[in-house]
N, C-alpha and C. Protein backbone atom coordinates (compact mmCIF):
# COMPACT_ATOMS: atom_id res chain seq x y z
N MET A 1 -14.06 11.60 -5.49
CA MET A 1 -12.99 12.43 -4.36
C MET A 1 -14.09 12.42 -3.20
N LEU A 2 -15.44 12.27 -3.16
CA LEU A 2 -16.27 12.13 -2.15
C LEU A 2 -15.93 10.00 -1.41
N ASN A 3 -15.61 9.46 -2.66
CA ASN A 3 -15.59 8.26 -2.24
C ASN A 3 -14.26 8.02 -1.42
N ARG A 4 -13.05 8.64 -1.85
CA ARG A 4 -12.11 8.44 -1.08
C ARG A 4 -12.04 8.91 0.61
N ALA A 5 -12.64 9.97 0.64
CA ALA A 5 -12.86 10.43 1.62
C ALA A 5 -13.49 10.11 2.63
N ARG A 6 -14.37 8.52 2.25
CA ARG A 6 -15.55 7.75 3.02
C ARG A 6 -14.46 6.52 3.26
N ALA A 7 -13.93 6.46 2.35
CA ALA A 7 -12.78 5.22 2.68
C ALA A 7 -11.77 5.40 3.51
N ILE A 8 -11.15 6.66 3.68
CA ILE A 8 -10.49 7.30 5.33
C ILE A 8 -10.98 7.18 6.54
N GLU A 9 -12.37 8.23 6.12
CA GLU A 9 -12.65 8.18 7.38
C GLU A 9 -13.46 7.06 8.44
N ASN A 10 -14.03 5.82 7.59
CA ASN A 10 -14.38 5.09 8.08
C ASN A 10 -13.38 3.77 8.19
N GLY A 11 -12.08 4.10 7.62
CA GLY A 11 -11.45 3.34 7.25
C GLY A 11 -11.54 1.86 6.68
N ALA A 12 -12.36 1.52 5.78
CA ALA A 12 -12.88 0.84 5.21
C ALA A 12 -12.40 0.22 3.47
N PHE A 13 -12.71 -0.24 2.56
CA PHE A 13 -12.50 -0.49 1.82
C PHE A 13 -13.84 0.08 1.25
N VAL A 14 -13.93 0.73 0.29
CA VAL A 14 -15.36 0.67 -0.59
C VAL A 14 -15.20 0.88 -2.07
N VAL A 15 -16.07 -0.55 -2.29
CA VAL A 15 -16.66 -0.81 -3.94
C VAL A 15 -17.55 1.03 -4.30
N ALA A 16 -17.36 1.41 -4.85
CA ALA A 16 -18.95 2.34 -6.11
C ALA A 16 -18.55 1.72 -7.43
N PRO A 17 -19.83 1.32 -7.21
CA PRO A 17 -20.19 0.75 -8.77
C PRO A 17 -21.00 2.06 -9.45
N CYS A 18 -20.76 2.60 -11.20
CA CYS A 18 -21.14 3.60 -11.72
C CYS A 18 -21.70 3.02 -12.90
N ALA A 19 -22.97 3.93 -12.94
CA ALA A 19 -23.35 3.74 -14.62
C ALA A 19 -22.84 4.26 -15.57
N VAL A 20 -22.90 3.78 -16.65
CA VAL A 20 -22.29 3.98 -18.10
C VAL A 20 -23.36 3.96 -19.43
N GLY A 21 -23.76 5.51 -19.61
CA GLY A 21 -24.48 6.01 -20.66
C GLY A 21 -25.91 6.08 -20.57
N LYS A 22 -26.56 6.30 -21.58
CA LYS A 22 -27.98 6.72 -20.92
C LYS A 22 -28.92 6.39 -19.48
N VAL A 23 -29.32 7.31 -19.28
CA VAL A 23 -30.08 6.22 -18.11
C VAL A 23 -31.82 7.05 -18.46
N GLU A 24 -32.50 5.30 -18.15
CA GLU A 24 -33.91 5.95 -18.83
C GLU A 24 -34.16 6.82 -18.28
N GLY A 25 -35.30 7.84 -18.69
CA GLY A 25 -35.82 9.15 -18.13
C GLY A 25 -34.75 11.02 -18.37
N GLY A 26 -33.77 10.12 -19.09
CA GLY A 26 -33.35 11.34 -19.39
C GLY A 26 -31.80 11.28 -18.73
N GLY A 27 -30.53 11.88 -18.65
CA GLY A 27 -29.43 12.28 -17.82
C GLY A 27 -28.70 10.91 -18.50
N GLY A 28 -27.19 10.83 -17.71
CA GLY A 28 -26.83 9.63 -18.47
C GLY A 28 -25.74 9.49 -17.08
N GLY A 29 -24.95 8.37 -17.23
CA GLY A 29 -23.89 7.98 -16.30
C GLY A 29 -22.71 7.96 -17.18
N TYR A 30 -21.69 8.68 -16.26
CA TYR A 30 -20.47 8.40 -17.05
C TYR A 30 -19.27 7.76 -16.21
N GLY A 31 -19.75 6.88 -16.08
CA GLY A 31 -18.85 5.52 -15.68
C GLY A 31 -17.91 5.73 -14.24
N HIS A 32 -16.44 5.29 -14.07
CA HIS A 32 -15.67 5.38 -13.36
C HIS A 32 -16.50 4.88 -11.91
N SER A 33 -16.28 3.57 -12.42
CA SER A 33 -16.27 2.07 -11.06
C SER A 33 -14.88 2.25 -10.40
N LEU A 34 -15.22 2.27 -9.09
CA LEU A 34 -14.25 2.56 -8.36
C LEU A 34 -13.82 1.49 -7.04
N ILE A 35 -12.81 0.87 -7.15
CA ILE A 35 -12.30 -0.05 -5.93
C ILE A 35 -11.35 0.89 -4.84
N ILE A 36 -11.29 1.21 -3.53
CA ILE A 36 -10.73 1.95 -2.95
C ILE A 36 -10.21 1.53 -1.50
N ASN A 37 -9.14 1.48 -0.98
CA ASN A 37 -8.47 0.80 0.10
C ASN A 37 -8.87 1.96 1.19
N PRO A 38 -8.78 1.29 2.14
CA PRO A 38 -8.75 2.02 3.56
C PRO A 38 -8.07 3.65 3.75
N TRP A 39 -6.93 4.07 3.04
CA TRP A 39 -6.00 4.85 3.02
C TRP A 39 -6.66 5.97 1.66
N GLY A 40 -7.25 5.50 0.95
CA GLY A 40 -8.03 6.26 0.39
C GLY A 40 -7.31 6.38 -1.28
N GLU A 41 -6.60 5.55 -1.27
CA GLU A 41 -6.07 4.92 -2.82
C GLU A 41 -6.83 4.82 -3.50
N ILE A 42 -7.02 4.58 -4.89
CA ILE A 42 -7.63 4.26 -5.47
C ILE A 42 -7.01 2.91 -6.42
N LEU A 43 -7.72 1.42 -5.94
CA LEU A 43 -6.96 -0.04 -6.95
C LEU A 43 -7.24 0.06 -7.75
N ALA A 44 -8.54 0.32 -8.61
CA ALA A 44 -9.56 -0.31 -9.65
C ALA A 44 -10.66 1.25 -10.33
N ASP A 45 -9.99 1.57 -11.31
CA ASP A 45 -10.81 2.71 -12.18
C ASP A 45 -11.43 2.28 -13.24
N GLY A 46 -12.74 1.71 -13.39
CA GLY A 46 -13.37 0.82 -14.33
C GLY A 46 -13.59 1.83 -15.55
N GLY A 47 -13.32 3.22 -15.78
CA GLY A 47 -13.05 4.07 -16.79
C GLY A 47 -14.39 4.43 -17.45
N ALA A 48 -14.20 5.11 -18.23
CA ALA A 48 -15.75 5.68 -18.57
C ALA A 48 -16.25 4.33 -19.72
N ASP A 49 -16.42 3.19 -19.70
CA ASP A 49 -16.40 2.20 -21.11
C ASP A 49 -17.12 1.43 -19.86
N SER A 50 -18.24 0.68 -20.34
CA SER A 50 -18.63 -0.59 -19.66
C SER A 50 -17.75 -1.89 -19.30
N GLY A 51 -17.82 -2.66 -18.16
CA GLY A 51 -16.81 -3.67 -18.26
C GLY A 51 -17.23 -3.93 -16.49
N PHE A 52 -16.25 -4.92 -16.26
CA PHE A 52 -15.68 -4.80 -14.99
C PHE A 52 -14.53 -4.85 -14.96
N ILE A 53 -14.21 -4.91 -12.88
CA ILE A 53 -13.32 -4.30 -12.65
C ILE A 53 -13.08 -5.31 -11.00
N ASN A 54 -11.90 -5.87 -11.28
CA ASN A 54 -11.90 -6.35 -9.64
C ASN A 54 -10.25 -6.38 -9.51
N VAL A 55 -10.06 -6.88 -8.04
CA VAL A 55 -8.99 -6.45 -7.27
C VAL A 55 -8.59 -6.99 -5.92
N ASN A 56 -7.56 -7.50 -6.12
CA ASN A 56 -7.31 -8.64 -4.57
C ASN A 56 -7.36 -7.71 -3.70
N ILE A 57 -8.30 -7.78 -2.14
CA ILE A 57 -8.17 -6.84 -1.15
C ILE A 57 -7.60 -7.84 -0.16
N ASN A 58 -6.84 -6.60 0.72
CA ASN A 58 -6.39 -7.64 2.17
C ASN A 58 -7.42 -6.92 3.01
N LEU A 59 -8.04 -7.44 3.66
CA LEU A 59 -8.69 -7.24 4.80
C LEU A 59 -8.31 -6.90 5.84
N GLU A 60 -6.93 -7.01 6.21
CA GLU A 60 -5.82 -6.53 7.35
C GLU A 60 -5.71 -5.59 7.21
N GLU A 61 -5.84 -4.73 6.21
CA GLU A 61 -5.72 -3.33 5.81
C GLU A 61 -6.95 -2.52 6.74
N VAL A 62 -7.99 -3.08 7.13
CA VAL A 62 -9.04 -2.66 7.52
C VAL A 62 -9.00 -1.82 9.41
N ASN A 63 -8.25 -3.13 9.51
CA ASN A 63 -7.52 -3.38 11.05
C ASN A 63 -6.61 -2.59 11.38
N SER A 64 -5.21 -2.35 10.44
CA SER A 64 -4.28 -1.71 10.36
C SER A 64 -5.10 0.08 10.47
N ALA A 65 -5.73 0.11 9.60
CA ALA A 65 -6.09 1.65 9.26
C ALA A 65 -7.44 1.78 10.88
N ARG A 66 -7.95 1.51 10.82
CA ARG A 66 -8.50 1.72 12.32
C ARG A 66 -7.45 1.83 13.53
N THR A 67 -6.81 0.96 13.70
CA THR A 67 -6.17 1.04 15.02
C THR A 67 -4.93 2.31 14.59
N ARG A 68 -4.87 2.88 13.39
CA ARG A 68 -3.93 3.90 13.09
C ARG A 68 -4.37 5.06 12.76
N ILE A 69 -5.79 5.39 12.79
CA ILE A 69 -6.38 6.49 12.87
C ILE A 69 -6.77 6.96 14.22
N PRO A 70 -6.51 7.88 14.46
CA PRO A 70 -6.55 8.28 15.77
C PRO A 70 -8.60 8.54 16.16
N SER A 71 -8.97 9.15 15.10
CA SER A 71 -10.35 9.94 15.27
C SER A 71 -11.53 8.41 15.93
N LEU A 72 -10.57 7.15 15.20
CA LEU A 72 -11.57 6.30 15.31
C LEU A 72 -11.14 5.10 16.44
N ARG A 73 -10.55 5.46 17.00
CA ARG A 73 -10.15 5.57 18.54
C ARG A 73 -11.05 5.88 19.71
N HIS A 74 -11.87 6.73 19.13
CA HIS A 74 -12.41 7.75 20.41
C HIS A 74 -13.62 7.28 20.65
N ASP A 75 -14.63 6.50 19.94
CA ASP A 75 -15.36 5.72 20.19
C ASP A 75 -15.57 5.83 21.58
N LYS A 76 -17.29 6.05 22.35
CA LYS A 76 -17.88 6.25 23.66
C LYS A 76 -19.20 5.43 23.31
N ALA A 77 -19.17 4.64 24.19
CA ALA A 77 -20.92 3.56 24.46
C ALA A 77 -21.68 4.98 24.36
N PHE A 78 -22.91 4.68 23.73
CA PHE A 78 -24.40 6.03 23.52
C PHE A 78 -25.07 5.19 25.26
N VAL A 79 -25.18 6.15 25.86
CA VAL A 79 -25.82 6.00 27.03
C VAL A 79 -27.48 6.91 27.27
N PHE A 80 -28.50 5.64 27.43
CA PHE A 80 -29.88 6.51 27.45
C PHE A 80 -29.53 7.59 28.75
């Protein structure tokens, strides 16, 4: 859920790799690596098994999202 929020608030694709299986030192990884577009839509989900995911992305979606999300148009230059 947080990866989708990061994609939307930054108007960017998010590629979130996740471990699967036992982690040395204790604990474990539960998978579900994701590729998310700038609108927060999950384009690929790796599931709970080891493997690869891939998807063709259109980088023009970044420009489109950033011009359509009002909060990204309010940036001002930082002045000392």
